[in-house]
Amino acid sequence: MAGELLELGQLFVVLALTGAIALRLGLSVIPLYVVGGVLAGPYVAGRLGLPYVADGEVVTLFAEVGIVLLLFFLGLEFSLDRLLTSRTRITRSGLFDLAVNLPIGIAIGLLLGWSVVESLLLGGIVYISSSAIITKSLIDLGWIANPEAEPVLGTLVFEDLFIAVYLAVVTSLVLGGDGLGSLAQSLAIAFGFLGVLLLAVQYGSRFFAGILDVPGQEAFVLRTLAVVVPVSGVALALGVSEAVAAFFVGMGFATSGHREKIERLLAPLRDVFGAVFFFWIGVGTDPTLLAAAAVPLVLAVALTTPAKMLSGYLGGRVYDLSKRRSLRVGVGMVPRGEFSLVIAALAANGATTVMQEVIPAFAVGYVLVMSSLGTVLMEQSGTLERLVFRDEDASESTGG
């Protein structure tokens, strides 16, 4: 027990240091948390004979809670009524995004001789943008009040809803066992469970409001966790993504009238356990395996960066934005982060070497590159606009 407590202490020391470095450099903390995990894990610190953090049960459990809380908070931002109001534009921009980006990852996997399931996992990793990084960048750059924020957030909504279905499918494919019958049974259970959750979201607003109608912060936090964590645990036991279940529970609590209080009281928990999740991804990554992922990594970065910018540009045009602001939408969609790592964590539970080793290593490298490249492109979008639209009116500044 003393050894595990020391490892946990080392974990938090590394997270604190990497967070301080990110703050000093003005970078997103997500990729640095992953790097901290790689350096402090068994494949770097361990090989150097230094004290290291093992990929043990405690760290894994904390990481699972991190996934649950990250997706729970994302669900808090959505309501069925809000989605239905903007459904036409969200759907059109989201379909552009999906049609352009998901097939690229699948094609890269198939080109490398990977199986259909492995290629589908790769497709999801390169398709899904990082809501956490993008939202933070929108706020930091002052874009959140600009017209380009609406299509960016709308496309992220579509991605998050699609990824909920995607995760249900690929979880069944990765963990569901052999044979079409087993797969069909797993999918039926997954979608049946998600259907129950959707009904609860639609008709359970009184339940979600009533369960949090308690005095005192302690009881409020405990009751929230007493819903989201067990429901996510049941989902995982049934072979359904715990992240998807947490997302739906978050949507349910969004209608409770307590959303702001939940965000205020549980945000520190989300940030702490979320940081452990990103660290855990790094701990399980052997950097020597990055060589095996080098070819798909180079192909993915080279192809998906312009592809994401193109699909984002088309999404901006759906919202009737100017060419310059539409380009900002494309630039804003480039960062990848937490969802790509969630898919990689799922892949690591698969039965093949590609799933267990290559895809997680690829995801770490890809997120490090794309999160850094994406934030730089957003910061330098004004220069990029002048290069692309040099012959057109330059009156729209990046911050305007």
Protein backbone atom coordinates (compact mmCIF):
# COMPACT_ATOMS: atom_id res chain seq x y z
CA MET A 1 0.00 0.00 0.00
CA ALA A 2 2.85 2.40 0.83
CA GLY A 3 4.37 1.76 -2.60
CA GLU A 4 1.08 2.50 -4.36
CA LEU A 5 0.64 5.69 -2.37
CA LEU A 6 4.16 6.79 -3.33
CA GLU A 7 3.40 6.07 -7.01
CA LEU A 8 0.22 8.11 -6.74
CA GLY A 9 2.19 10.91 -5.15
CA GLN A 10 4.70 10.78 -8.00
CA LEU A 11 1.84 10.91 -10.48
CA PHE A 12 0.47 14.13 -8.99
CA VAL A 13 3.93 15.68 -8.81
CA VAL A 14 4.43 15.05 -12.52
CA LEU A 15 0.95 16.41 -13.33
CA ALA A 16 1.63 19.55 -11.31
CA LEU A 17 4.97 20.12 -13.06
CA THR A 18 3.64 19.51 -16.57
CA GLY A 19 0.66 21.75 -15.84
CA ALA A 20 3.02 24.53 -14.73
CA ILE A 21 5.10 24.10 -17.89
CA ALA A 22 2.00 24.26 -20.07
CA LEU A 23 0.86 27.42 -18.31
CA ARG A 24 4.29 29.04 -18.72
CA LEU A 25 4.48 28.15 -22.43
CA GLY A 26 0.84 28.98 -23.15
CA LEU A 27 0.16 25.45 -24.46
CA SER A 28 -2.73 23.07 -23.91
CA VAL A 29 -2.13 20.88 -20.87
CA ILE A 30 -3.50 17.72 -22.51
CA PRO A 31 -0.46 16.78 -24.65
CA LEU A 32 1.93 17.63 -21.82
CA TYR A 33 0.01 15.41 -19.40
CA VAL A 34 0.44 12.57 -21.91
CA VAL A 35 4.16 13.30 -22.27
CA GLY A 36 4.49 13.38 -18.49
CA GLY A 37 2.92 9.92 -18.33
CA VAL A 38 5.31 8.57 -20.96
CA LEU A 39 8.36 9.94 -19.14
CA ALA A 40 7.23 8.84 -15.68
CA GLY A 41 6.05 5.41 -16.80
CA PRO A 42 7.78 2.03 -16.98
CA TYR A 43 8.99 2.47 -20.55
CA VAL A 44 11.16 5.54 -19.85
CA ALA A 45 11.74 6.07 -16.13
CA GLY A 46 11.55 2.32 -15.49
CA ARG A 47 14.11 1.48 -18.16
CA LEU A 48 16.43 4.13 -16.75
CA GLY A 49 16.27 2.53 -13.31
CA LEU A 50 14.32 5.45 -11.84
CA PRO A 51 11.16 5.29 -9.71
CA TYR A 52 8.20 5.02 -12.07
CA VAL A 53 4.42 4.97 -12.08
CA ALA A 54 3.05 1.56 -13.07
CA ASP A 55 -0.11 0.99 -15.08
CA GLY A 56 -1.78 -0.49 -11.99
CA GLU A 57 -5.35 -0.90 -10.82
CA VAL A 58 -5.50 2.36 -8.86
CA VAL A 59 -4.27 4.55 -11.71
CA THR A 60 -6.50 2.71 -14.18
CA LEU A 61 -9.56 3.19 -11.96
CA PHE A 62 -8.80 6.90 -11.55
CA ALA A 63 -8.42 7.16 -15.33
CA GLU A 64 -11.82 5.49 -15.83
CA VAL A 65 -13.39 8.06 -13.51
CA GLY A 66 -11.63 10.76 -15.56
CA ILE A 67 -13.21 9.49 -18.80
CA VAL A 68 -16.62 9.39 -17.14
CA LEU A 69 -16.41 12.94 -15.78
CA LEU A 70 -15.03 14.42 -19.01
CA LEU A 71 -17.93 13.04 -21.03
CA PHE A 72 -20.45 13.80 -18.28
CA PHE A 73 -19.48 17.47 -18.42
CA LEU A 74 -19.74 17.45 -22.19
CA GLY A 75 -23.27 16.08 -21.92
CA LEU A 76 -24.15 18.92 -19.55
CA GLU A 77 -23.67 21.35 -22.43
CA PHE A 78 -26.35 19.75 -24.58
CA SER A 79 -30.09 19.39 -24.47
CA LEU A 80 -32.39 17.67 -26.93
CA ASP A 81 -34.37 20.88 -27.47
CA ARG A 82 -31.22 22.85 -28.28
CA LEU A 83 -30.05 20.22 -30.73
CA LEU A 84 -33.41 20.09 -32.49
CA THR A 85 -33.54 23.89 -32.90
CA SER A 86 -30.27 24.03 -34.89
CA ARG A 87 -30.49 20.52 -36.32
CA THR A 88 -30.38 21.47 -40.02
CA ARG A 89 -27.16 23.47 -39.95
CA ILE A 90 -25.53 21.17 -37.41
CA THR A 91 -26.37 18.16 -39.54
CA ARG A 92 -25.11 19.68 -42.80
CA SER A 93 -21.81 20.93 -41.37
CA GLY A 94 -21.36 17.71 -39.41
CA LEU A 95 -21.94 15.52 -42.46
CA PHE A 96 -19.31 17.48 -44.40
CA ASP A 97 -16.91 16.90 -41.51
CA LEU A 98 -17.74 13.19 -41.27
CA ALA A 99 -17.63 12.49 -45.02
CA VAL A 100 -14.27 14.18 -45.48
CA ASN A 101 -12.34 12.98 -42.42
CA LEU A 102 -13.49 9.54 -41.25
CA PRO A 103 -12.76 7.78 -44.58
CA ILE A 104 -9.17 9.08 -44.58
CA GLY A 105 -8.23 7.16 -41.44
CA ILE A 106 -10.03 4.04 -42.65
CA ALA A 107 -8.25 4.25 -46.01
CA ILE A 108 -4.83 4.64 -44.34
CA GLY A 109 -5.45 1.56 -42.23
CA LEU A 110 -6.61 -0.55 -45.17
CA LEU A 111 -3.66 0.68 -47.25
CA LEU A 112 -1.30 -0.59 -44.52
CA GLY A 113 -2.97 -3.99 -44.56
CA TRP A 114 -4.86 -3.57 -41.30
CA SER A 115 -8.17 -5.29 -40.64
CA VAL A 116 -11.48 -3.48 -41.09
CA VAL A 117 -11.93 -3.07 -37.32
CA GLU A 118 -8.39 -1.73 -36.87
CA SER A 119 -8.91 0.67 -39.77
CA LEU A 120 -12.24 1.80 -38.32
CA LEU A 121 -10.50 2.58 -35.03
CA LEU A 122 -7.89 4.62 -36.88
CA GLY A 123 -10.66 6.43 -38.74
CA GLY A 124 -12.30 7.47 -35.49
CA ILE A 125 -9.03 8.70 -34.00
CA VAL A 126 -8.27 11.03 -36.91
CA TYR A 127 -11.91 12.12 -37.37
CA ILE A 128 -12.83 13.43 -33.94
CA SER A 129 -11.64 16.89 -32.92
CA SER A 130 -10.88 17.88 -29.34
CA SER A 131 -13.80 19.69 -27.69
CA ALA A 132 -11.64 20.51 -24.66
CA ILE A 133 -8.74 22.07 -26.55
CA ILE A 134 -10.91 23.85 -29.12
CA THR A 135 -13.31 25.33 -26.58
CA LYS A 136 -10.42 26.56 -24.43
CA SER A 137 -8.73 28.10 -27.47
CA LEU A 138 -11.95 29.82 -28.55
CA ILE A 139 -12.16 31.44 -25.12
CA ASP A 140 -8.45 32.33 -24.88
CA LEU A 141 -8.35 33.89 -28.38
CA GLY A 142 -11.62 35.77 -27.92
CA TRP A 143 -13.28 33.87 -30.78
CA ILE A 144 -16.09 32.61 -28.56
CA ALA A 145 -18.11 35.78 -29.26
CA ASN A 146 -17.33 35.76 -33.00
CA PRO A 147 -19.58 34.35 -35.76
CA GLU A 148 -17.13 31.48 -36.41
CA ALA A 149 -17.74 30.05 -32.94
CA GLU A 150 -21.26 28.85 -33.84
CA PRO A 151 -20.26 26.48 -36.68
CA VAL A 152 -17.26 25.24 -34.70
CA LEU A 153 -19.41 24.37 -31.70
CA GLY A 154 -22.19 23.01 -33.91
CA THR A 155 -19.80 20.67 -35.69
CA LEU A 156 -18.38 19.55 -32.35
CA VAL A 157 -21.91 18.71 -31.22
CA PHE A 158 -22.42 16.53 -34.31
CA GLU A 159 -19.06 14.84 -33.76
CA ASP A 160 -19.82 14.12 -30.12
CA LEU A 161 -23.22 12.63 -30.93
CA PHE A 162 -21.79 10.57 -33.77
CA ILE A 163 -18.91 9.35 -31.62
CA ALA A 164 -21.42 8.14 -29.02
CA VAL A 165 -22.90 5.77 -31.64
CA TYR A 166 -19.45 5.00 -33.05
CA LEU A 167 -18.09 4.00 -29.63
CA ALA A 168 -21.06 1.74 -29.03
CA VAL A 169 -20.37 -0.02 -32.33
CA VAL A 170 -16.59 -0.34 -32.06
CA THR A 171 -16.79 -1.40 -28.41
CA SER A 172 -18.94 -4.31 -29.54
CA LEU A 173 -16.54 -5.05 -32.40
CA VAL A 174 -13.46 -4.96 -30.16
CA LEU A 175 -14.89 -6.66 -27.08
CA GLY A 176 -17.98 -8.43 -28.36
CA GLY A 177 -16.40 -11.79 -29.13
CA ASP A 178 -16.35 -13.94 -32.25
CA GLY A 179 -19.06 -14.52 -34.80
CA LEU A 180 -21.90 -12.49 -36.23
CA GLY A 181 -24.33 -13.81 -33.63
CA SER A 182 -22.17 -12.60 -30.77
CA LEU A 183 -21.68 -9.24 -32.47
CA ALA A 184 -25.40 -8.83 -33.11
CA GLN A 185 -26.14 -9.66 -29.48
CA SER A 186 -23.56 -7.17 -28.23
CA LEU A 187 -24.92 -4.43 -30.50
CA ALA A 188 -28.49 -5.17 -29.43
CA ILE A 189 -27.51 -4.87 -25.76
CA ALA A 190 -25.55 -1.68 -26.41
CA PHE A 191 -28.27 0.11 -28.34
CA GLY A 192 -30.96 -1.18 -26.00
CA PHE A 193 -29.11 0.26 -23.02
CA LEU A 194 -28.50 3.57 -24.84
CA GLY A 195 -32.18 3.66 -25.81
CA VAL A 196 -33.15 3.39 -22.14
CA LEU A 197 -30.76 6.22 -21.30
CA LEU A 198 -32.20 8.37 -24.09
CA LEU A 199 -35.72 7.84 -22.75
CA ALA A 200 -34.48 8.77 -19.29
CA VAL A 201 -33.00 11.99 -20.70
CA GLN A 202 -36.20 12.83 -22.55
CA TYR A 203 -38.71 12.06 -19.79
CA GLY A 204 -36.68 12.01 -16.57
CA SER A 205 -36.18 15.71 -15.95
CA ARG A 206 -38.14 15.53 -12.68
CA PHE A 207 -35.95 12.68 -11.47
CA PHE A 208 -32.73 14.52 -12.30
CA ALA A 209 -34.03 17.72 -10.68
CA GLY A 210 -35.38 15.97 -7.60
CA ILE A 211 -32.28 13.92 -6.84
CA LEU A 212 -30.19 17.11 -6.58
CA ASP A 213 -32.73 19.08 -4.58
CA VAL A 214 -30.72 18.81 -1.36
CA PRO A 215 -29.05 21.33 0.95
CA GLY A 216 -25.30 21.28 1.32
CA GLN A 217 -22.54 20.90 -1.21
CA GLU A 218 -21.34 17.52 0.03
CA ALA A 219 -24.69 15.79 -0.46
CA PHE A 220 -25.10 17.49 -3.84
CA VAL A 221 -21.75 16.22 -5.15
CA LEU A 222 -22.25 12.73 -3.73
CA ARG A 223 -25.71 12.39 -5.27
CA THR A 224 -24.42 13.46 -8.67
CA LEU A 225 -21.62 10.92 -8.52
CA ALA A 226 -24.06 8.30 -7.20
CA VAL A 227 -25.88 8.49 -10.53
CA VAL A 228 -23.18 9.00 -13.15
CA VAL A 229 -20.58 6.54 -11.84
CA PRO A 230 -22.88 3.51 -11.29
CA VAL A 231 -24.65 4.04 -14.62
CA SER A 232 -21.27 4.19 -16.36
CA GLY A 233 -20.19 1.05 -14.50
CA VAL A 234 -23.30 -0.83 -15.61
CA ALA A 235 -22.65 0.29 -19.19
CA LEU A 236 -19.09 -1.01 -19.06
CA ALA A 237 -20.26 -4.32 -17.60
CA LEU A 238 -22.68 -4.68 -20.53
CA GLY A 239 -19.94 -3.97 -23.07
CA VAL A 240 -21.13 -0.41 -23.72
CA SER A 241 -18.73 2.53 -23.58
CA GLU A 242 -18.79 4.11 -20.14
CA ALA A 243 -17.99 7.41 -21.82
CA VAL A 244 -21.17 7.28 -23.91
CA ALA A 245 -23.28 6.43 -20.85
CA ALA A 246 -21.77 9.36 -18.93
CA PHE A 247 -22.51 11.66 -21.88
CA PHE A 248 -26.21 10.73 -21.79
CA VAL A 249 -26.38 11.11 -18.00
CA GLY A 250 -24.88 14.58 -18.43
CA MET A 251 -27.60 15.44 -20.94
CA GLY A 252 -30.16 14.32 -18.35
CA PHE A 253 -28.71 16.55 -15.64
CA ALA A 254 -28.58 19.45 -18.12
CA THR A 255 -32.38 19.69 -17.80
CA SER A 256 -32.37 19.55 -14.00
CA GLY A 257 -31.96 23.27 -13.40
CA HIS A 258 -28.73 22.56 -11.50
CA ARG A 259 -26.27 22.60 -14.41
CA GLU A 260 -24.30 25.65 -13.26
CA LYS A 261 -24.01 24.32 -9.72
CA ILE A 262 -22.83 20.93 -10.99
CA GLU A 263 -20.18 22.59 -13.15
CA ARG A 264 -19.01 24.79 -10.29
CA LEU A 265 -18.75 22.04 -7.68
CA LEU A 266 -17.56 19.12 -9.81
CA ALA A 267 -15.19 20.94 -12.18
CA PRO A 268 -12.19 20.40 -9.85
CA LEU A 269 -12.95 16.66 -9.72
CA ARG A 270 -13.25 16.55 -13.50
CA ASP A 271 -9.94 18.35 -13.96
CA VAL A 272 -8.06 16.14 -11.49
CA PHE A 273 -9.36 12.80 -12.74
CA GLY A 274 -9.21 14.00 -16.35
CA ALA A 275 -5.53 14.81 -15.89
CA VAL A 276 -4.98 11.29 -14.52
CA PHE A 277 -6.67 9.86 -17.62
CA PHE A 278 -4.31 11.68 -20.00
CA PHE A 279 -1.35 10.72 -17.81
CA TRP A 280 -2.52 7.07 -17.84
CA ILE A 281 -2.54 7.07 -21.65
CA GLY A 282 1.11 8.09 -21.57
CA VAL A 283 2.03 5.52 -18.90
CA GLY A 284 0.80 2.70 -21.12
CA THR A 285 2.65 3.96 -24.21
CA ASP A 286 6.04 2.52 -25.14
CA PRO A 287 7.78 5.33 -27.08
CA THR A 288 9.89 2.76 -28.95
CA LEU A 289 6.66 1.64 -30.62
CA LEU A 290 6.27 5.07 -32.20
CA ALA A 291 8.59 3.80 -34.92
CA ALA A 292 6.01 1.15 -35.83
CA ALA A 293 3.38 3.90 -36.00
CA ALA A 294 5.57 6.33 -37.95
CA VAL A 295 4.12 5.61 -41.40
CA PRO A 296 0.44 5.97 -40.45
CA LEU A 297 1.35 8.99 -38.30
CA VAL A 298 3.06 10.86 -41.14
CA LEU A 299 0.26 9.99 -43.56
CA ALA A 300 -2.43 11.00 -41.10
CA VAL A 301 -0.89 14.37 -40.23
CA ALA A 302 -0.22 15.19 -43.89
CA LEU A 303 -3.71 14.23 -45.05
CA THR A 304 -6.00 15.10 -42.17
CA THR A 305 -4.72 18.61 -41.47
CA PRO A 306 -5.84 20.05 -44.83
CA ALA A 307 -8.89 17.75 -44.85
CA LYS A 308 -10.11 19.09 -41.50
CA MET A 309 -9.51 22.66 -42.65
CA LEU A 310 -11.51 21.96 -45.82
CA SER A 311 -14.45 20.37 -44.03
CA GLY A 312 -14.46 23.19 -41.46
CA TYR A 313 -14.41 25.77 -44.25
CA LEU A 314 -17.42 24.08 -45.86
CA GLY A 315 -19.15 24.06 -42.48
CA GLY A 316 -18.57 27.79 -42.14
CA ARG A 317 -20.13 28.37 -45.54
CA VAL A 318 -23.18 26.37 -44.40
CA TYR A 319 -23.59 29.03 -41.70
CA ASP A 320 -23.28 31.76 -44.38
CA LEU A 321 -19.96 33.04 -43.09
CA SER A 322 -17.44 34.88 -45.25
CA LYS A 323 -14.52 32.98 -46.76
CA ARG A 324 -12.12 34.35 -44.15
CA ARG A 325 -14.28 33.42 -41.19
CA SER A 326 -14.99 30.02 -42.75
CA LEU A 327 -11.25 29.42 -42.95
CA ARG A 328 -11.04 30.18 -39.23
CA VAL A 329 -13.68 27.51 -38.66
CA GLY A 330 -11.48 25.03 -40.54
CA VAL A 331 -8.39 26.04 -38.57
CA GLY A 332 -10.35 25.82 -35.32
CA MET A 333 -11.30 22.18 -35.97
CA VAL A 334 -7.71 20.90 -36.40
CA PRO A 335 -6.79 20.07 -32.76
CA ARG A 336 -7.28 16.45 -31.68
CA GLY A 337 -7.20 15.32 -28.08
CA GLU A 338 -9.31 13.53 -25.49
CA PHE A 339 -11.64 11.56 -27.77
CA SER A 340 -8.81 10.21 -29.89
CA LEU A 341 -7.19 8.94 -26.69
CA VAL A 342 -10.47 7.40 -25.49
CA ILE A 343 -10.63 5.41 -28.74
CA ALA A 344 -6.98 4.42 -28.34
CA ALA A 345 -7.68 3.19 -24.81
CA LEU A 346 -10.51 1.07 -26.21
CA ALA A 347 -8.24 -0.30 -28.94
CA ALA A 348 -5.68 -1.35 -26.32
CA ASN A 349 -8.23 -3.88 -25.05
CA GLY A 350 -8.30 -5.62 -28.43
CA ALA A 351 -6.78 -8.96 -29.34
CA THR A 352 -4.29 -7.96 -32.06
CA THR A 353 -0.83 -6.40 -31.85
CA VAL A 354 -1.98 -3.46 -33.96
CA MET A 355 -4.78 -2.72 -31.48
CA GLN A 356 -2.72 -3.29 -28.35
CA GLU A 357 0.48 -1.51 -29.37
CA VAL A 358 0.49 0.33 -32.69
CA ILE A 359 -2.83 2.21 -32.46
CA PRO A 360 -2.24 3.54 -28.90
CA ALA A 361 1.28 4.67 -29.86
CA PHE A 362 -0.09 6.26 -33.03
CA ALA A 363 -2.81 8.07 -31.07
CA VAL A 364 -0.33 9.55 -28.59
CA GLY A 365 1.93 10.83 -31.37
CA TYR A 366 -1.02 12.07 -33.40
CA VAL A 367 -2.59 13.97 -30.51
CA LEU A 368 0.75 15.54 -29.59
CA VAL A 369 1.27 16.78 -33.15
CA MET A 370 -2.30 17.82 -33.94
CA SER A 371 -3.03 19.53 -30.62
CA SER A 372 0.16 21.57 -30.92
CA LEU A 373 -0.27 22.28 -34.64
CA GLY A 374 -3.93 23.15 -34.21
CA THR A 375 -3.39 25.68 -31.43
CA VAL A 376 -0.54 27.32 -33.40
CA LEU A 377 -2.70 27.55 -36.53
CA MET A 378 -5.50 29.17 -34.54
CA GLU A 379 -3.10 31.71 -33.06
CA GLN A 380 -1.62 32.47 -36.51
CA SER A 381 -4.90 32.36 -38.42
CA GLY A 382 -4.56 36.01 -39.44
CA THR A 383 -1.31 35.25 -41.28
CA LEU A 384 -2.88 32.20 -42.89
CA GLU A 385 -5.88 34.24 -44.06
CA ARG A 386 -3.61 36.79 -45.71
CA LEU A 387 -1.72 34.03 -47.52
CA VAL A 388 -4.84 32.28 -48.77
CA PHE A 389 -6.93 35.36 -49.57
CA ARG A 390 -4.17 37.81 -50.46
CA ASP A 391 -6.17 39.27 -53.35
CA GLU A 392 -9.33 39.86 -51.34
CA ASP A 393 -10.46 42.38 -48.79
CA ALA A 394 -8.48 41.93 -45.57
CA SER A 395 -10.74 44.09 -43.41
CA GLU A 396 -11.81 41.18 -41.17
CA SER A 397 -9.18 40.68 -38.51
CA THR A 398 -8.80 37.46 -36.60
CA GLY A 399 -10.21 38.89 -33.43
CA GLY A 400 -13.03 40.85 -35.10
